[in-house]
PDB file of N, CA and C in Angstrom:
ATOM      1  N   MET A   1     105.215  99.992 128.384  1.00  0.00           N
ATOM      2  CA  MET A   1     105.324  99.206 127.435  1.00  0.00           C
ATOM      3  C   MET A   1     106.186  99.618 126.294  1.00  0.00           C
ATOM      4  N   LYS A   2     107.060  99.828 125.262  1.00  0.00           N
ATOM      5  CA  LYS A   2     107.333 100.266 124.208  1.00  0.00           C
ATOM      6  C   LYS A   2     106.499 100.486 122.918  1.00  0.00           C
ATOM      7  N   LEU A   3     106.177 101.023 122.142  1.00  0.00           N
ATOM      8  CA  LEU A   3     105.571 100.905 121.023  1.00  0.00           C
ATOM      9  C   LEU A   3     105.863  99.973 120.087  1.00  0.00           C
ATOM     10  N   GLY A   4     107.033  99.372 120.076  1.00  0.00           N
ATOM     11  CA  GLY A   4     107.520  98.544 119.106  1.00  0.00           C
ATOM     12  C   GLY A   4     107.119  96.796 119.841  1.00  0.00           C
ATOM     13  N   THR A   5     106.850  96.909 120.878  1.00  0.00           N
ATOM     14  CA  THR A   5     106.549  95.558 121.674  1.00  0.00           C
ATOM     15  C   THR A   5     105.166  95.865 121.895  1.00  0.00           C
ATOM     16  N   LEU A   6     104.336  96.581 121.840  1.00  0.00           N
ATOM     17  CA  LEU A   6     103.200  96.612 121.256  1.00  0.00           C
ATOM     18  C   LEU A   6     102.394  96.167 119.934  1.00  0.00           C
ATOM     19  N   LEU A   7     102.747  96.460 118.922  1.00  0.00           N
ATOM     20  CA  LEU A   7     102.905  96.410 117.801  1.00  0.00           C
ATOM     21  C   LEU A   7     103.266  95.088 117.817  1.00  0.00           C
ATOM     22  N   GLY A   8     104.609  94.386 117.953  1.00  0.00           N
ATOM     23  CA  GLY A   8     104.748  93.462 117.743  1.00  0.00           C
ATOM     24  C   GLY A   8     103.787  92.241 118.322  1.00  0.00           C
ATOM     25  N   LEU A   9     103.370  92.688 119.412  1.00  0.00           N
ATOM     26  CA  LEU A   9     101.762  91.583 120.349  1.00  0.00           C
ATOM     27  C   LEU A   9     100.240  91.775 118.993  1.00  0.00           C
ATOM     28  N   ALA A  10     100.508  93.147 118.855  1.00  0.00           N
ATOM     29  CA  ALA A  10      99.272  93.294 117.882  1.00  0.00           C
ATOM     30  C   ALA A  10      99.515  92.295 117.157  1.00  0.00           C
ATOM     31  N   ALA A  11     100.538  92.068 116.006  1.00  0.00           N
ATOM     32  CA  ALA A  11     100.594  91.473 115.060  1.00  0.00           C
ATOM     33  C   ALA A  11     100.449  90.303 115.584  1.00  0.00           C
ATOM     34  N   ILE A  12     101.348  89.408 116.155  1.00  0.00           N
ATOM     35  CA  ILE A  12     101.132  87.942 116.807  1.00  0.00           C
ATOM     36  C   ILE A  12      99.294  87.288 116.981  1.00  0.00           C
ATOM     37  N   GLY A  13      98.604  88.599 117.526  1.00  0.00           N
ATOM     38  CA  GLY A  13      97.303  88.381 118.344  1.00  0.00           C
ATOM     39  C   GLY A  13      96.326  88.312 116.711  1.00  0.00           C
ATOM     40  N   GLY A  14      97.149  89.589 115.818  1.00  0.00           N
ATOM     41  CA  GLY A  14      96.365  88.722 115.075  1.00  0.00           C
ATOM     42  C   GLY A  14      96.182  87.920 114.023  1.00  0.00           C
ATOM     43  N   PHE A  15      97.593  87.188 113.381  1.00  0.00           N
ATOM     44  CA  PHE A  15      98.266  86.032 113.366  1.00  0.00           C
ATOM     45  C   PHE A  15      97.241  85.075 113.683  1.00  0.00           C
ATOM     46  N   ALA A  16      97.159  85.229 115.279  1.00  0.00           N
ATOM     47  CA  ALA A  16      96.588  83.486 115.919  1.00  0.00           C
ATOM     48  C   ALA A  16      95.469  84.197 115.660  1.00  0.00           C
ATOM     49  N   TYR A  17      94.709  84.716 115.515  1.00  0.00           N
ATOM     50  CA  TYR A  17      92.956  84.560 115.434  1.00  0.00           C
ATOM     51  C   TYR A  17      92.592  84.804 113.922  1.00  0.00           C
ATOM     52  N   ALA A  18      93.456  84.950 112.609  1.00  0.00           N
ATOM     53  CA  ALA A  18      93.308  84.510 111.401  1.00  0.00           C
ATOM     54  C   ALA A  18      93.244  83.254 111.460  1.00  0.00           C
ATOM     55  N   HIS A  19      94.538  82.241 112.019  1.00  0.00           N
ATOM     56  CA  HIS A  19      94.372  81.279 111.969  1.00  0.00           C
ATOM     57  C   HIS A  19      93.417  80.322 112.599  1.00  0.00           C
ATOM     58  N   ASN A  20      93.187  80.962 113.555  1.00  0.00           N
ATOM     59  CA  ASN A  20      92.256  80.343 114.274  1.00  0.00           C
ATOM     60  C   ASN A  20      90.682  80.291 113.521  1.00  0.00           C
ATOM     61  N   LYS A  21      90.611  81.169 113.068  1.00  0.00           N
ATOM     62  CA  LYS A  21      89.321  81.606 112.497  1.00  0.00           C
ATOM     63  C   LYS A  21      89.318  81.046 110.991  1.00  0.00           C
ATOM     64  N   ARG A  22      90.631  80.257 110.487  1.00  0.00           N
ATOM     65  CA  ARG A  22      90.650  79.240 109.599  1.00  0.00           C
ATOM     66  C   ARG A  22      90.310  77.920 109.750  1.00  0.00           C
ATOM     67  N   GLY A  23      90.715  78.125 110.667  1.00  0.00           N
ATOM     68  CA  GLY A  23      90.117  76.588 110.986  1.00  0.00           C
ATOM     69  C   GLY A  23      91.738  75.691 111.250  1.00  0.00           C
ATOM     70  N   GLY A  24      92.894  76.362 111.591  1.00  0.00           N
ATOM     71  CA  GLY A  24      94.153  75.903 111.565  1.00  0.00           C
ATOM     72  C   GLY A  24      94.594  75.069 112.831  1.00  0.00           C
ATOM     73  N   GLN A  25      95.314  73.714 112.683  1.00  0.00           N
ATOM     74  CA  GLN A  25      95.650  73.203 113.374  1.00  0.00           C
ATOM     75  C   GLN A  25      97.019  74.303 114.009  1.00  0.00           C
ATOM     76  N   MET A  26      97.300  73.664 115.133  1.00  0.00           N
ATOM     77  CA  MET A  26      98.519  74.120 115.999  1.00  0.00           C
ATOM     78  C   MET A  26      99.946  73.436 115.688  1.00  0.00           C
ATOM     79  N   ASN A  27     100.300  73.028 114.326  1.00  0.00           N
ATOM     80  CA  ASN A  27     101.708  72.548 113.760  1.00  0.00           C
ATOM     81  C   ASN A  27     101.896  73.207 112.769  1.00  0.00           C
ATOM     82  N   LEU A  28     103.310  73.314 112.778  1.00  0.00           N
ATOM     83  CA  LEU A  28     104.123  73.879 111.939  1.00  0.00           C
ATOM     84  C   LEU A  28     103.814  74.030 110.438  1.00  0.00           C
ATOM     85  N   ASP A  29     103.512  72.840 110.096  1.00  0.00           N
ATOM     86  CA  ASP A  29     102.684  73.133 108.335  1.00  0.00           C
ATOM     87  C   ASP A  29     101.213  74.059 108.645  1.00  0.00           C
ATOM     88  N   SER A  30     100.721  73.804 109.671  1.00  0.00           N
ATOM     89  CA  SER A  30      99.373  74.688 109.072  1.00  0.00           C
ATOM     90  C   SER A  30      99.540  76.038 109.647  1.00  0.00           C
ATOM     91  N   ILE A  31     100.326  76.294 110.308  1.00  0.00           N
ATOM     92  CA  ILE A  31     100.744  77.819 110.519  1.00  0.00           C
ATOM     93  C   ILE A  31     101.334  77.928 109.540  1.00  0.00           C
ATOM     94  N   LYS A  32     102.418  77.851 108.441  1.00  0.00           N
ATOM     95  CA  LYS A  32     102.938  77.573 107.204  1.00  0.00           C
ATOM     96  C   LYS A  32     101.717  78.012 106.668  1.00  0.00           C
ATOM     97  N   GLU A  33     100.856  77.260 106.254  1.00  0.00           N
ATOM     98  CA  GLU A  33     100.095  77.731 105.124  1.00  0.00           C
ATOM     99  C   GLU A  33      99.262  78.916 105.650  1.00  0.00           C
ATOM    100  N   THR A  34      98.993  78.722 106.795  1.00  0.00           N
ATOM    101  CA  THR A  34      98.099  80.579 107.097  1.00  0.00           C
ATOM    102  C   THR A  34      99.253  81.890 106.575  1.00  0.00           C
ATOM    103  N   ALA A  35     100.343  81.768 107.160  1.00  0.00           N
ATOM    104  CA  ALA A  35     101.389  82.938 106.359  1.00  0.00           C
ATOM    105  C   ALA A  35     101.462  83.393 105.400  1.00  0.00           C
ATOM    106  N   ARG A  36     101.182  81.780 104.673  1.00  0.00           N
ATOM    107  CA  ARG A  36     101.086  82.304 102.983  1.00  0.00           C
ATOM    108  C   ARG A  36     100.020  82.326 102.130  1.00  0.00           C
ATOM    109  N   SER A  37      99.046  82.202 102.695  1.00  0.00           N
ATOM    110  CA  SER A  37      97.465  82.759 102.215  1.00  0.00           C
ATOM    111  C   SER A  37      97.458  84.160 102.775  1.00  0.00           C
ATOM    112  N   LEU A  38      97.844  84.580 103.988  1.00  0.00           N
ATOM    113  CA  LEU A  38      97.572  85.939 104.858  1.00  0.00           C
ATOM    114  C   LEU A  38      98.515  86.618 103.714  1.00  0.00           C
ATOM    115  N   PHE A  39      99.901  86.474 103.147  1.00  0.00           N
ATOM    116  CA  PHE A  39     100.710  86.823 102.588  1.00  0.00           C
ATOM    117  C   PHE A  39     100.503  87.251 101.009  1.00  0.00           C
ATOM    118  N   GLY A  40     100.073  86.309 100.249  1.00  0.00           N
ATOM    119  CA  GLY A  40      98.985  85.866  99.294  1.00  0.00           C
ATOM    120  C   GLY A  40      98.260  87.264  98.816  1.00  0.00           C
ATOM    121  N   GLY A  41      97.669  86.966 100.205  1.00  0.00           N
ATOM    122  CA  GLY A  41      96.152  88.180  99.853  1.00  0.00           C
ATOM    123  C   GLY A  41      96.565  89.668  99.827  1.00  0.00           C
ATOM    124  N   VAL A  42      97.732  89.862 100.929  1.00  0.00           N
ATOM    125  CA  VAL A  42      98.317  91.433 101.048  1.00  0.00           C
ATOM    126  C   VAL A  42      98.574  91.696  99.645  1.00  0.00           C
ATOM    127  N   GLN A  43      99.347  90.850  98.478  1.00  0.00           N
ATOM    128  CA  GLN A  43     100.387  90.896  97.639  1.00  0.00           C
ATOM    129  C   GLN A  43      99.584  90.943  96.765  1.00  0.00           C
ATOM    130  N   GLU A  44      98.307  90.242  96.472  1.00  0.00           N
ATOM    131  CA  GLU A  44      96.939  90.669  95.155  1.00  0.00           C
ATOM    132  C   GLU A  44      96.188  92.024  95.603  1.00  0.00           C
ATOM    133  N   ARG A  45      96.262  92.216  96.816  1.00  0.00           N
ATOM    134  CA  ARG A  45      95.598  93.633  97.189  1.00  0.00           C
ATOM    135  C   ARG A  45      96.431  94.922  96.897  1.00  0.00           C
ATOM    136  N   ALA A  46      97.692  94.493  96.985  1.00  0.00           N
ATOM    137  CA  ALA A  46      98.375  95.561  96.752  1.00  0.00           C
ATOM    138  C   ALA A  46      98.784  95.684  95.241  1.00  0.00           C
ATOM    139  N   ARG A  47      99.110  94.315  94.637  1.00  0.00           N
ATOM    140  CA  ARG A  47      98.917  94.684  92.872  1.00  0.00           C
ATOM    141  C   ARG A  47      97.392  95.417  92.707  1.00  0.00           C
ATOM    142  N   SER A  48      96.458  94.928  93.151  1.00  0.00           N
ATOM    143  CA  SER A  48      95.189  95.614  92.530  1.00  0.00           C
ATOM    144  C   SER A  48      95.531  97.261  92.350  1.00  0.00           C
ATOM    145  N   VAL A  49      95.799  97.868  93.996  1.00  0.00           N
ATOM    146  CA  VAL A  49      95.368  99.308  94.149  1.00  0.00           C
ATOM    147  C   VAL A  49      96.837  99.476  93.090  1.00  0.00           C
ATOM    148  N   PHE A  50      97.898  99.069  93.044  1.00  0.00           N
ATOM    149  CA  PHE A  50      98.916  99.668  92.365  1.00  0.00           C
ATOM    150  C   PHE A  50      98.398  99.905  90.787  1.00  0.00           C
ATOM    151  N   ASN A  51      97.456  98.479  90.202  1.00  0.00           N
ATOM    152  CA  ASN A  51      97.000  98.909  88.922  1.00  0.00           C
ATOM    153  C   ASN A  51      96.016  99.536  88.801  1.00  0.00           C
ATOM    154  N   GLN A  52      95.676  99.707  89.540  1.00  0.00           N
ATOM    155  CA  GLN A  52      94.266 100.863  89.388  1.00  0.00           C
ATOM    156  C   GLN A  52      95.037 102.479  89.436  1.00  0.00           C
ATOM    157  N   GLY A  53      96.073 102.506  90.073  1.00  0.00           N
ATOM    158  CA  GLY A  53      96.669 103.783  90.156  1.00  0.00           C
ATOM    159  C   GLY A  53      97.270 104.100  89.066  1.00  0.00           C
ATOM    160  N   THR A  54      97.982 103.013  88.340  1.00  0.00           N
ATOM    161  CA  THR A  54      99.140 103.329  86.866  1.00  0.00           C
ATOM    162  C   THR A  54      97.939 103.604  86.165  1.00  0.00           C
ATOM    163  N   ASN A  55      96.882 102.649  85.976  1.00  0.00           N
ATOM    164  CA  ASN A  55      95.572 102.788  84.945  1.00  0.00           C
ATOM    165  C   ASN A  55      94.855 104.493  85.315  1.00  0.00           C
ATOM    166  N   SER A  56      95.114 104.598  86.486  1.00  0.00           N
ATOM    167  CA  SER A  56      94.345 106.077  86.834  1.00  0.00           C
ATOM    168  C   SER A  56      95.477 107.291  85.960  1.00  0.00           C
ATOM    169  N   ALA A  57      96.458 107.070  86.180  1.00  0.00           N
ATOM    170  CA  ALA A  57      97.643 108.212  85.793  1.00  0.00           C
ATOM    171  C   ALA A  57      97.498 108.416  84.139  1.00  0.00           C
ATOM    172  N   LYS A  58      97.433 107.112  83.674  1.00  0.00           N
ATOM    173  CA  LYS A  58      97.251 107.161  82.158  1.00  0.00           C
ATOM    174  C   LYS A  58      95.992 107.590  81.909  1.00  0.00           C
ATOM    175  N   MET A  59      95.075 107.654  82.035  1.00  0.00           N
ATOM    176  CA  MET A  59      93.722 108.055  81.764  1.00  0.00           C
ATOM    177  C   MET A  59      94.071 109.681  81.757  1.00  0.00           C
ATOM    178  N   TYR A  60      94.457 110.200  82.704  1.00  0.00           N
ATOM    179  CA  TYR A  60      94.786 111.686  82.908  1.00  0.00           C
ATOM    180  C   TYR A  60      95.751 112.046  81.805  1.00  0.00           C
ATOM    181  N   GLU A  61      96.343 111.302  81.490  1.00  0.00           N
ATOM    182  CA  GLU A  61      97.924 111.588  80.738  1.00  0.00           C
ATOM    183  C   GLU A  61      97.257 111.837  79.424  1.00  0.00           C
ATOM    184  N   GLY A  62      95.799 111.528  78.989  1.00  0.00           N
ATOM    185  CA  GLY A  62      95.102 111.710  77.581  1.00  0.00           C
ATOM    186  C   GLY A  62      95.880 110.392  76.705  1.00  0.00           C
ATOM    187  N   ASP A  63      95.886 109.033  77.248  1.00  0.00           N
ATOM    188  CA  ASP A  63      96.365 108.445  76.302  1.00  0.00           C
ATOM    189  C   ASP A  63      95.381 107.474  76.215  1.00  0.00           C
ATOM    190  N   ASN A  64      94.011 107.589  76.030  1.00  0.00           N
ATOM    191  CA  ASN A  64      93.043 106.750  75.974  1.00  0.00           C
ATOM    192  C   ASN A  64      93.304 105.335  76.301  1.00  0.00           C
ATOM    193  N   SER A  65      93.461 104.967  77.308  1.00  0.00           N
ATOM    194  CA  SER A  65      93.702 103.690  78.469  1.00  0.00           C
ATOM    195  C   SER A  65      92.270 103.786  78.937  1.00  0.00           C
ATOM    196  N   GLU A  66      91.804 102.643  79.414  1.00  0.00           N
ATOM    197  CA  GLU A  66      90.264 102.384  80.168  1.00  0.00           C
ATOM    198  C   GLU A  66      90.768 101.860  81.476  1.00  0.00           C
ATOM    199  N   LEU A  67      90.112 102.021  82.472  1.00  0.00           N
ATOM    200  CA  LEU A  67      90.436 101.166  83.580  1.00  0.00           C
ATOM    201  C   LEU A  67      90.031 100.072  84.009  1.00  0.00           C
ATOM    202  N   ARG A  68      90.305  99.339  84.502  1.00  0.00           N
ATOM    203  CA  ARG A  68      89.857  98.216  84.807  1.00  0.00           C
ATOM    204  C   ARG A  68      89.863  98.197  86.567  1.00  0.00           C
ATOM    205  N   HIS A  69      88.725  97.569  86.660  1.00  0.00           N
ATOM    206  CA  HIS A  69      87.537  97.464  88.209  1.00  0.00           C
ATOM    207  C   HIS A  69      87.057  95.731  88.528  1.00  0.00           C
TER     208      HIS A  69
END
């Protein structure tokens, strides 16, 4: 089995697990809601990491900015 196929199957399995964990039904609207929720969570985490990184860089430059935690 190719690595790409294996990663694709793992992604689908992870999504199905998260969907069932949320109590989602097997219809298109419920699946869309799960996808939006998962991608929204990923975006929030990415923004949080990015903001922490930019604040840390400012602290090292000596501009007296504060870290947000």
